[in-house]
Amino acid sequence: MRKFSIILLIDYILKFFLLFFINLIWCLYFITPKWLSLIIAIISASLILFLFKIINNKKTLKNKPKLAEIKHMEDIKNTFIYMSSNKILSFFENLAKSKHEAFILNDYVVIKKDFPIILFPYFKNKSLDIDKLIEIVNSINLDNIKKLIVLCNTHENNLLACLENFNTKVIVLDYKQTYMQLLKPYEFFPEILIREKPKAKTTINQILCYAFNKKRTRGYIVSSLFILFASYFTIYRIYYLIFSTILLVFAILCRFEFKFNKIDSEQLMN
């Protein structure tokens, strides 16, 4: 879902007024009552804007990866991080060989044509920056090369702006683009070695452990005393006294060694 912002609101307003004025021009030409022309122009502009929104949403949903596909992307990203460089090169060589003639040269894969395409995998836990990209480009003989495709997990935001500075066409794909533009079209995926564990649901015991941690004793006491002091300046004093008492009870619970304050030691040798 797209986040609502001032820029998005301004964009919608601008689109509406452009459609409104176009409709108004022709409504005034064909319809005599001006008030009727104004109403029809507003309604038609709103309907057209709404129609464009529906079409755009359908395109977005169609192109948006499904949850299972997103999970698969994340697993592949983590697998590439922990996979050795030789295995990654071998994987992309086999991917290219499924449809093209290809071979490994140094640290990259060459797709052999009249003007070769180079795949350079750089799947590190850190983002690809401009300095590293320049280093990669300078390490390759780009004479008669059609394009250099650098594959990475993530890259710095300002990196794409410098791609036009190279004499050879350089393309940088992050892990999502690599999945959607290479792995998925070729139907060629690595064996998943590292899977992202699903986040465990928060248990009642964890909530109690957080709420009644010993470190929170002071906070409960200070809050209780503040509410107790404030109770002398209000008509409905009983409610303040109740809340002050509850906070003091919380402070007492924090000081006792209940099971949610204990950490079970792991039996390493069993």
C-alpha atoms as a PDB file:
ATOM      1  CA  MET A   1       0.000   0.000   0.000  1.00  0.00           C
ATOM      2  CA  ARG A   2       1.319   3.438  -0.956  1.00  0.00           C
ATOM      3  CA  LYS A   3       1.876   5.741   1.935  1.00  0.00           C
ATOM      4  CA  PHE A   4      -0.262   8.859   1.977  1.00  0.00           C
ATOM      5  CA  SER A   5       1.786  12.023   1.781  1.00  0.00           C
ATOM      6  CA  ILE A   6       1.462  15.716   0.970  1.00  0.00           C
ATOM      7  CA  ILE A   7       3.215  15.131  -2.373  1.00  0.00           C
ATOM      8  CA  LEU A   8       0.708  12.402  -3.264  1.00  0.00           C
ATOM      9  CA  LEU A   9      -2.203  14.666  -2.293  1.00  0.00           C
ATOM     10  CA  ILE A  10      -0.844  17.523  -4.434  1.00  0.00           C
ATOM     11  CA  ASP A  11      -0.440  15.077  -7.333  1.00  0.00           C
ATOM     12  CA  TYR A  12      -4.101  14.000  -7.082  1.00  0.00           C
ATOM     13  CA  ILE A  13      -5.298  17.623  -6.836  1.00  0.00           C
ATOM     14  CA  LEU A  14      -3.250  18.627  -9.881  1.00  0.00           C
ATOM     15  CA  LYS A  15      -4.575  15.686 -11.906  1.00  0.00           C
ATOM     16  CA  PHE A  16      -8.144  16.519 -10.892  1.00  0.00           C
ATOM     17  CA  PHE A  17      -7.892  20.182 -11.915  1.00  0.00           C
ATOM     18  CA  LEU A  18      -6.293  19.305 -15.256  1.00  0.00           C
ATOM     19  CA  LEU A  19      -9.113  16.866 -16.028  1.00  0.00           C
ATOM     20  CA  PHE A  20     -11.674  19.325 -14.687  1.00  0.00           C
ATOM     21  CA  PHE A  21     -10.533  22.200 -16.943  1.00  0.00           C
ATOM     22  CA  ILE A  22     -10.406  19.963 -20.025  1.00  0.00           C
ATOM     23  CA  ASN A  23     -13.950  18.767 -19.343  1.00  0.00           C
ATOM     24  CA  LEU A  24     -15.145  22.278 -18.498  1.00  0.00           C
ATOM     25  CA  ILE A  25     -13.890  23.698 -21.795  1.00  0.00           C
ATOM     26  CA  TRP A  26     -15.958  21.224 -23.832  1.00  0.00           C
ATOM     27  CA  CYS A  27     -18.943  21.259 -21.473  1.00  0.00           C
ATOM     28  CA  LEU A  28     -19.203  25.052 -21.829  1.00  0.00           C
ATOM     29  CA  TYR A  29     -19.055  24.626 -25.591  1.00  0.00           C
ATOM     30  CA  PHE A  30     -21.860  22.050 -25.843  1.00  0.00           C
ATOM     31  CA  ILE A  31     -23.999  22.861 -22.767  1.00  0.00           C
ATOM     32  CA  THR A  32     -25.675  26.251 -22.392  1.00  0.00           C
ATOM     33  CA  PRO A  33     -26.305  26.485 -18.606  1.00  0.00           C
ATOM     34  CA  LYS A  34     -22.928  27.251 -17.045  1.00  0.00           C
ATOM     35  CA  TRP A  35     -23.875  25.749 -13.683  1.00  0.00           C
ATOM     36  CA  LEU A  36     -24.734  22.466 -15.394  1.00  0.00           C
ATOM     37  CA  SER A  37     -21.419  22.532 -17.287  1.00  0.00           C
ATOM     38  CA  LEU A  38     -19.582  23.061 -13.989  1.00  0.00           C
ATOM     39  CA  ILE A  39     -21.331  20.122 -12.292  1.00  0.00           C
ATOM     40  CA  ILE A  40     -20.765  17.762 -15.247  1.00  0.00           C
ATOM     41  CA  ALA A  41     -17.092  18.796 -15.448  1.00  0.00           C
ATOM     42  CA  ILE A  42     -16.581  18.050 -11.734  1.00  0.00           C
ATOM     43  CA  ILE A  43     -18.365  14.682 -11.917  1.00  0.00           C
ATOM     44  CA  SER A  44     -16.633  13.565 -15.122  1.00  0.00           C
ATOM     45  CA  ALA A  45     -13.188  14.617 -13.824  1.00  0.00           C
ATOM     46  CA  SER A  46     -13.788  12.667 -10.597  1.00  0.00           C
ATOM     47  CA  LEU A  47     -14.946   9.578 -12.503  1.00  0.00           C
ATOM     48  CA  ILE A  48     -11.970   9.635 -14.867  1.00  0.00           C
ATOM     49  CA  LEU A  49      -9.552  10.070 -11.955  1.00  0.00           C
ATOM     50  CA  PHE A  50     -11.247   7.196 -10.116  1.00  0.00           C
ATOM     51  CA  LEU A  51     -11.067   5.006 -13.230  1.00  0.00           C
ATOM     52  CA  PHE A  52      -7.361   5.691 -13.672  1.00  0.00           C
ATOM     53  CA  LYS A  53      -6.831   4.826 -10.001  1.00  0.00           C
ATOM     54  CA  ILE A  54      -8.568   1.445 -10.406  1.00  0.00           C
ATOM     55  CA  ILE A  55      -6.534   0.606 -13.524  1.00  0.00           C
ATOM     56  CA  ASN A  56      -3.295   1.622 -11.809  1.00  0.00           C
ATOM     57  CA  ASN A  57      -4.125  -0.487  -8.731  1.00  0.00           C
ATOM     58  CA  LYS A  58      -4.823  -3.533 -10.910  1.00  0.00           C
ATOM     59  CA  LYS A  59      -1.462  -3.125 -12.664  1.00  0.00           C
ATOM     60  CA  THR A  60       0.295  -2.736  -9.309  1.00  0.00           C
ATOM     61  CA  LEU A  61      -1.361  -5.860  -7.876  1.00  0.00           C
ATOM     62  CA  LYS A  62      -0.558  -7.820 -11.024  1.00  0.00           C
ATOM     63  CA  ASN A  63       3.134  -6.926 -10.881  1.00  0.00           C
ATOM     64  CA  LYS A  64       3.415  -7.154  -7.084  1.00  0.00           C
ATOM     65  CA  PRO A  65       5.101 -10.360  -5.857  1.00  0.00           C
ATOM     66  CA  LYS A  66       3.000 -12.700  -3.746  1.00  0.00           C
ATOM     67  CA  LEU A  67       3.870 -13.434  -0.114  1.00  0.00           C
ATOM     68  CA  ALA A  68       5.352 -16.849  -0.978  1.00  0.00           C
ATOM     69  CA  GLU A  69       7.456 -15.242  -3.712  1.00  0.00           C
ATOM     70  CA  ILE A  70       8.676 -12.515  -1.343  1.00  0.00           C
ATOM     71  CA  LYS A  71       9.671 -15.219   1.158  1.00  0.00           C
ATOM     72  CA  HIS A  72      11.516 -17.070  -1.609  1.00  0.00           C
ATOM     73  CA  MET A  73      13.366 -13.860  -2.538  1.00  0.00           C
ATOM     74  CA  GLU A  74      14.506 -13.357   1.055  1.00  0.00           C
ATOM     75  CA  ASP A  75      15.682 -16.977   1.346  1.00  0.00           C
ATOM     76  CA  ILE A  76      17.667 -16.694  -1.898  1.00  0.00           C
ATOM     77  CA  LYS A  77      19.204 -13.399  -0.742  1.00  0.00           C
ATOM     78  CA  ASN A  78      20.358 -14.997   2.522  1.00  0.00           C
ATOM     79  CA  THR A  79      21.597 -18.076   0.639  1.00  0.00           C
ATOM     80  CA  PHE A  80      23.751 -15.963  -1.688  1.00  0.00           C
ATOM     81  CA  ILE A  81      25.255 -14.106   1.289  1.00  0.00           C
ATOM     82  CA  TYR A  82      26.520 -17.346   2.856  1.00  0.00           C
ATOM     83  CA  MET A  83      27.331 -19.137  -0.412  1.00  0.00           C
ATOM     84  CA  SER A  84      30.967 -19.184  -1.536  1.00  0.00           C
ATOM     85  CA  SER A  85      31.982 -17.018  -4.498  1.00  0.00           C
ATOM     86  CA  ASN A  86      32.852 -20.074  -6.599  1.00  0.00           C
ATOM     87  CA  LYS A  87      29.417 -21.613  -6.073  1.00  0.00           C
ATOM     88  CA  ILE A  88      27.686 -18.335  -6.918  1.00  0.00           C
ATOM     89  CA  LEU A  89      29.712 -18.048 -10.134  1.00  0.00           C
ATOM     90  CA  SER A  90      28.911 -21.656 -10.995  1.00  0.00           C
ATOM     91  CA  PHE A  91      25.209 -21.037 -10.362  1.00  0.00           C
ATOM     92  CA  PHE A  92      25.018 -18.019 -12.683  1.00  0.00           C
ATOM     93  CA  GLU A  93      27.126 -19.799 -15.294  1.00  0.00           C
ATOM     94  CA  ASN A  94      24.613 -22.664 -15.304  1.00  0.00           C
ATOM     95  CA  LEU A  95      21.737 -20.177 -15.401  1.00  0.00           C
ATOM     96  CA  ALA A  96      23.233 -18.477 -18.465  1.00  0.00           C
ATOM     97  CA  LYS A  97      24.061 -21.824 -20.100  1.00  0.00           C
ATOM     98  CA  SER A  98      20.386 -22.837 -19.903  1.00  0.00           C
ATOM     99  CA  LYS A  99      19.756 -20.477 -22.850  1.00  0.00           C
ATOM    100  CA  HIS A 100      23.122 -19.117 -23.997  1.00  0.00           C
ATOM    101  CA  GLU A 101      26.735 -20.028 -24.470  1.00  0.00           C
ATOM    102  CA  ALA A 102      28.569 -18.912 -21.338  1.00  0.00           C
ATOM    103  CA  PHE A 103      31.728 -19.447 -19.321  1.00  0.00           C
ATOM    104  CA  ILE A 104      33.440 -18.214 -16.144  1.00  0.00           C
ATOM    105  CA  LEU A 105      36.325 -15.788 -16.460  1.00  0.00           C
ATOM    106  CA  ASN A 106      38.074 -14.556 -13.317  1.00  0.00           C
ATOM    107  CA  ASP A 107      35.287 -13.319 -10.978  1.00  0.00           C
ATOM    108  CA  TYR A 108      32.433 -13.060 -13.460  1.00  0.00           C
ATOM    109  CA  VAL A 109      30.381 -14.907 -16.051  1.00  0.00           C
ATOM    110  CA  VAL A 110      30.722 -14.084 -19.748  1.00  0.00           C
ATOM    111  CA  ILE A 111      27.764 -14.718 -22.008  1.00  0.00           C
ATOM    112  CA  LYS A 112      29.551 -15.327 -25.286  1.00  0.00           C
ATOM    113  CA  LYS A 113      28.179 -13.418 -28.254  1.00  0.00           C
ATOM    114  CA  ASP A 114      29.648 -11.049 -30.846  1.00  0.00           C
ATOM    115  CA  PHE A 115      29.438  -8.415 -28.123  1.00  0.00           C
ATOM    116  CA  PRO A 116      29.533 -10.336 -24.802  1.00  0.00           C
ATOM    117  CA  ILE A 117      27.396  -9.580 -21.750  1.00  0.00           C
ATOM    118  CA  ILE A 118      29.105  -9.877 -18.378  1.00  0.00           C
ATOM    119  CA  LEU A 119      27.362 -10.957 -15.177  1.00  0.00           C
ATOM    120  CA  PHE A 120      29.267  -9.892 -12.077  1.00  0.00           C
ATOM    121  CA  PRO A 121      27.776 -11.311  -8.841  1.00  0.00           C
ATOM    122  CA  TYR A 122      28.483  -9.247  -5.727  1.00  0.00           C
ATOM    123  CA  PHE A 123      26.254 -10.717  -3.052  1.00  0.00           C
ATOM    124  CA  LYS A 124      27.634  -9.306   0.193  1.00  0.00           C
ATOM    125  CA  ASN A 125      25.955  -8.494   3.477  1.00  0.00           C
ATOM    126  CA  LYS A 126      26.859  -4.836   2.957  1.00  0.00           C
ATOM    127  CA  SER A 127      25.468  -2.534   0.281  1.00  0.00           C
ATOM    128  CA  LEU A 128      27.275  -1.992  -2.994  1.00  0.00           C
ATOM    129  CA  ASP A 129      28.718   1.538  -3.004  1.00  0.00           C
ATOM    130  CA  ILE A 130      30.113   3.722  -5.790  1.00  0.00           C
ATOM    131  CA  ASP A 131      33.758   3.039  -4.897  1.00  0.00           C
ATOM    132  CA  LYS A 132      33.249  -0.730  -5.126  1.00  0.00           C
ATOM    133  CA  LEU A 133      31.327  -0.389  -8.389  1.00  0.00           C
ATOM    134  CA  ILE A 134      34.187   1.653  -9.912  1.00  0.00           C
ATOM    135  CA  GLU A 135      36.619  -1.005  -8.688  1.00  0.00           C
ATOM    136  CA  ILE A 136      34.524  -3.733 -10.369  1.00  0.00           C
ATOM    137  CA  VAL A 137      34.296  -1.821 -13.654  1.00  0.00           C
ATOM    138  CA  ASN A 138      38.058  -1.122 -13.690  1.00  0.00           C
ATOM    139  CA  SER A 139      38.853  -4.794 -13.035  1.00  0.00           C
ATOM    140  CA  ILE A 140      37.212  -5.863 -16.307  1.00  0.00           C
ATOM    141  CA  ASN A 141      38.387  -5.331 -19.848  1.00  0.00           C
ATOM    142  CA  LEU A 142      35.305  -3.644 -21.285  1.00  0.00           C
ATOM    143  CA  ASP A 143      36.528  -3.496 -24.888  1.00  0.00           C
ATOM    144  CA  ASN A 144      33.754  -4.683 -27.226  1.00  0.00           C
ATOM    145  CA  ILE A 145      31.540  -5.509 -24.247  1.00  0.00           C
ATOM    146  CA  LYS A 146      27.810  -4.982 -24.861  1.00  0.00           C
ATOM    147  CA  LYS A 147      26.883  -4.479 -21.197  1.00  0.00           C
ATOM    148  CA  LEU A 148      28.034  -5.195 -17.662  1.00  0.00           C
ATOM    149  CA  ILE A 149      25.356  -6.423 -15.250  1.00  0.00           C
ATOM    150  CA  VAL A 150      26.337  -6.222 -11.581  1.00  0.00           C
ATOM    151  CA  LEU A 151      24.162  -8.318  -9.258  1.00  0.00           C
ATOM    152  CA  CYS A 152      24.019  -7.431  -5.570  1.00  0.00           C
ATOM    153  CA  ASN A 153      21.776  -7.737  -2.541  1.00  0.00           C
ATOM    154  CA  THR A 154      21.435  -3.997  -1.975  1.00  0.00           C
ATOM    155  CA  HIS A 155      23.103  -0.847  -3.210  1.00  0.00           C
ATOM    156  CA  GLU A 156      23.402   2.744  -2.052  1.00  0.00           C
ATOM    157  CA  ASN A 157      20.653   5.094  -3.235  1.00  0.00           C
ATOM    158  CA  ASN A 158      23.021   7.477  -5.028  1.00  0.00           C
ATOM    159  CA  LEU A 159      24.762   4.698  -6.976  1.00  0.00           C
ATOM    160  CA  LEU A 160      22.338   4.592  -9.918  1.00  0.00           C
ATOM    161  CA  ALA A 161      22.972   8.255 -10.697  1.00  0.00           C
ATOM    162  CA  CYS A 162      26.610   7.557 -11.641  1.00  0.00           C
ATOM    163  CA  LEU A 163      25.925   4.700 -14.083  1.00  0.00           C
ATOM    164  CA  GLU A 164      25.813   7.075 -17.039  1.00  0.00           C
ATOM    165  CA  ASN A 165      29.416   8.097 -16.369  1.00  0.00           C
ATOM    166  CA  PHE A 166      30.798   4.818 -17.732  1.00  0.00           C
ATOM    167  CA  ASN A 167      31.579   4.395 -21.424  1.00  0.00           C
ATOM    168  CA  THR A 168      30.092   0.890 -21.370  1.00  0.00           C
ATOM    169  CA  LYS A 169      26.482   0.278 -20.398  1.00  0.00           C
ATOM    170  CA  VAL A 170      26.439  -0.748 -16.719  1.00  0.00           C
ATOM    171  CA  ILE A 171      23.321  -2.146 -15.055  1.00  0.00           C
ATOM    172  CA  VAL A 172      23.003  -2.773 -11.309  1.00  0.00           C
ATOM    173  CA  LEU A 173      20.315  -5.136 -10.024  1.00  0.00           C
ATOM    174  CA  ASP A 174      19.459  -5.664  -6.348  1.00  0.00           C
ATOM    175  CA  TYR A 175      18.249  -9.034  -5.066  1.00  0.00           C
ATOM    176  CA  LYS A 176      14.594  -8.356  -5.926  1.00  0.00           C
ATOM    177  CA  GLN A 177      15.424  -7.249  -9.473  1.00  0.00           C
ATOM    178  CA  THR A 178      17.787 -10.216  -9.867  1.00  0.00           C
ATOM    179  CA  TYR A 179      14.945 -12.515  -8.884  1.00  0.00           C
ATOM    180  CA  MET A 180      12.322 -10.889 -11.123  1.00  0.00           C
ATOM    181  CA  GLN A 181      14.532 -10.241 -14.179  1.00  0.00           C
ATOM    182  CA  LEU A 182      16.882 -13.238 -14.127  1.00  0.00           C
ATOM    183  CA  LEU A 183      15.939 -16.115 -11.833  1.00  0.00           C
ATOM    184  CA  LYS A 184      12.191 -16.101 -12.459  1.00  0.00           C
ATOM    185  CA  PRO A 185      12.251 -15.678 -16.270  1.00  0.00           C
ATOM    186  CA  TYR A 186      14.899 -18.419 -16.557  1.00  0.00           C
ATOM    187  CA  GLU A 187      13.084 -20.556 -13.948  1.00  0.00           C
ATOM    188  CA  PHE A 188      16.478 -21.212 -12.395  1.00  0.00           C
ATOM    189  CA  PHE A 189      16.849 -21.004  -8.623  1.00  0.00           C
ATOM    190  CA  PRO A 190      19.585 -21.971  -6.148  1.00  0.00           C
ATOM    191  CA  GLU A 191      19.150 -24.600  -3.469  1.00  0.00           C
ATOM    192  CA  ILE A 192      18.051 -22.758  -0.342  1.00  0.00           C
ATOM    193  CA  LEU A 193      20.732 -23.092   2.319  1.00  0.00           C
ATOM    194  CA  ILE A 194      19.682 -20.326   4.711  1.00  0.00           C
ATOM    195  CA  ARG A 195      16.025 -19.772   5.505  1.00  0.00           C
ATOM    196  CA  GLU A 196      14.714 -16.718   7.271  1.00  0.00           C
ATOM    197  CA  LYS A 197      13.032 -17.882  10.439  1.00  0.00           C
ATOM    198  CA  PRO A 198       9.502 -16.580  10.947  1.00  0.00           C
ATOM    199  CA  LYS A 199       9.202 -14.090  13.769  1.00  0.00           C
ATOM    200  CA  ALA A 200       7.916 -15.737  16.892  1.00  0.00           C
ATOM    201  CA  LYS A 201       4.632 -14.436  18.242  1.00  0.00           C
ATOM    202  CA  THR A 202       4.831 -12.412  21.423  1.00  0.00           C
ATOM    203  CA  THR A 203       3.732 -14.559  24.360  1.00  0.00           C
ATOM    204  CA  ILE A 204       2.011 -13.465  27.573  1.00  0.00           C
ATOM    205  CA  ASN A 205       5.150 -14.464  29.454  1.00  0.00           C
ATOM    206  CA  GLN A 206       7.234 -12.082  27.293  1.00  0.00           C
ATOM    207  CA  ILE A 207       4.761  -9.251  27.892  1.00  0.00           C
ATOM    208  CA  LEU A 208       4.904  -9.849  31.648  1.00  0.00           C
ATOM    209  CA  CYS A 209       8.687 -10.044  31.508  1.00  0.00           C
ATOM    210  CA  TYR A 210       8.790  -6.661  29.768  1.00  0.00           C
ATOM    211  CA  ALA A 211       6.144  -5.006  31.986  1.00  0.00           C
ATOM    212  CA  PHE A 212       7.496  -6.242  35.314  1.00  0.00           C
ATOM    213  CA  ASN A 213      11.211  -6.118  34.683  1.00  0.00           C
ATOM    214  CA  LYS A 214      13.145  -4.952  37.745  1.00  0.00           C
ATOM    215  CA  LYS A 215      14.505  -1.976  35.818  1.00  0.00           C
ATOM    216  CA  ARG A 216      10.964  -0.553  35.601  1.00  0.00           C
ATOM    217  CA  THR A 217      10.512  -0.347  39.402  1.00  0.00           C
ATOM    218  CA  ARG A 218      11.682   3.250  39.638  1.00  0.00           C
ATOM    219  CA  GLY A 219       9.431   4.384  36.784  1.00  0.00           C
ATOM    220  CA  TYR A 220       6.334   2.906  38.405  1.00  0.00           C
ATOM    221  CA  ILE A 221       7.176   4.488  41.785  1.00  0.00           C
ATOM    222  CA  VAL A 222       7.801   7.968  40.313  1.00  0.00           C
ATOM    223  CA  SER A 223       4.585   7.771  38.270  1.00  0.00           C
ATOM    224  CA  SER A 224       2.616   6.635  41.309  1.00  0.00           C
ATOM    225  CA  LEU A 225       3.916   9.477  43.483  1.00  0.00           C
ATOM    226  CA  PHE A 226       3.196  12.025  40.761  1.00  0.00           C
ATOM    227  CA  ILE A 227      -0.416  10.824  40.400  1.00  0.00           C
ATOM    228  CA  LEU A 228      -0.792  10.779  44.212  1.00  0.00           C
ATOM    229  CA  PHE A 229       0.418  14.375  44.385  1.00  0.00           C
ATOM    230  CA  ALA A 230      -1.938  15.400  41.559  1.00  0.00           C
ATOM    231  CA  SER A 231      -4.890  13.829  43.394  1.00  0.00           C
ATOM    232  CA  TYR A 232      -4.864  16.705  45.941  1.00  0.00           C
ATOM    233  CA  PHE A 233      -5.729  19.185  43.188  1.00  0.00           C
ATOM    234  CA  THR A 234      -8.719  17.442  41.632  1.00  0.00           C
ATOM    235  CA  ILE A 235     -12.320  16.736  42.571  1.00  0.00           C
ATOM    236  CA  TYR A 236     -12.307  13.074  41.489  1.00  0.00           C
ATOM    237  CA  ARG A 237      -9.515  12.078  43.841  1.00  0.00           C
ATOM    238  CA  ILE A 238     -10.545   8.431  44.144  1.00  0.00           C
ATOM    239  CA  TYR A 239      -9.555   7.639  40.524  1.00  0.00           C
ATOM    240  CA  TYR A 240      -6.083   9.069  41.056  1.00  0.00           C
ATOM    241  CA  LEU A 241      -5.676   7.041  44.244  1.00  0.00           C
ATOM    242  CA  ILE A 242      -6.702   3.851  42.419  1.00  0.00           C
ATOM    243  CA  PHE A 243      -4.176   4.399  39.624  1.00  0.00           C
ATOM    244  CA  SER A 244      -1.474   5.374  42.103  1.00  0.00           C
ATOM    245  CA  THR A 245      -2.091   2.151  44.038  1.00  0.00           C
ATOM    246  CA  ILE A 246      -2.002   0.034  40.841  1.00  0.00           C
ATOM    247  CA  LEU A 247       1.372   1.528  39.892  1.00  0.00           C
ATOM    248  CA  LEU A 248       2.759   0.775  43.338  1.00  0.00           C
ATOM    249  CA  VAL A 249       1.539  -2.817  42.990  1.00  0.00           C
ATOM    250  CA  PHE A 250       3.375  -2.994  39.647  1.00  0.00           C
ATOM    251  CA  ALA A 251       6.514  -1.709  41.377  1.00  0.00           C
ATOM    252  CA  ILE A 252       6.196  -4.423  44.026  1.00  0.00           C
ATOM    253  CA  LEU A 253       5.748  -7.105  41.334  1.00  0.00           C
ATOM    254  CA  CYS A 254       8.942  -5.884  39.661  1.00  0.00           C
ATOM    255  CA  ARG A 255      10.927  -6.500  42.864  1.00  0.00           C
ATOM    256  CA  PHE A 256       9.775 -10.083  43.388  1.00  0.00           C
ATOM    257  CA  GLU A 257      11.482 -13.015  41.702  1.00  0.00           C
ATOM    258  CA  PHE A 258       8.542 -14.261  39.668  1.00  0.00           C
ATOM    259  CA  LYS A 259       9.178 -16.756  36.887  1.00  0.00           C
ATOM    260  CA  PHE A 260       8.939 -14.073  34.200  1.00  0.00           C
ATOM    261  CA  ASN A 261      11.973 -12.369  35.782  1.00  0.00           C
ATOM    262  CA  LYS A 262      14.058 -15.552  35.597  1.00  0.00           C
ATOM    263  CA  ILE A 263      16.156 -16.691  32.660  1.00  0.00           C
ATOM    264  CA  ASP A 264      16.433 -20.425  32.124  1.00  0.00           C
ATOM    265  CA  SER A 265      20.067 -21.430  31.679  1.00  0.00           C
ATOM    266  CA  GLU A 266      20.737 -23.525  28.578  1.00  0.00           C
ATOM    267  CA  GLN A 267      22.150 -26.991  29.174  1.00  0.00           C
ATOM    268  CA  LEU A 268      24.925 -26.780  26.614  1.00  0.00           C
ATOM    269  CA  MET A 269      26.406 -30.263  27.073  1.00  0.00           C
ATOM    270  CA  ASN A 270      23.128 -32.215  27.220  1.00  0.00           C
END
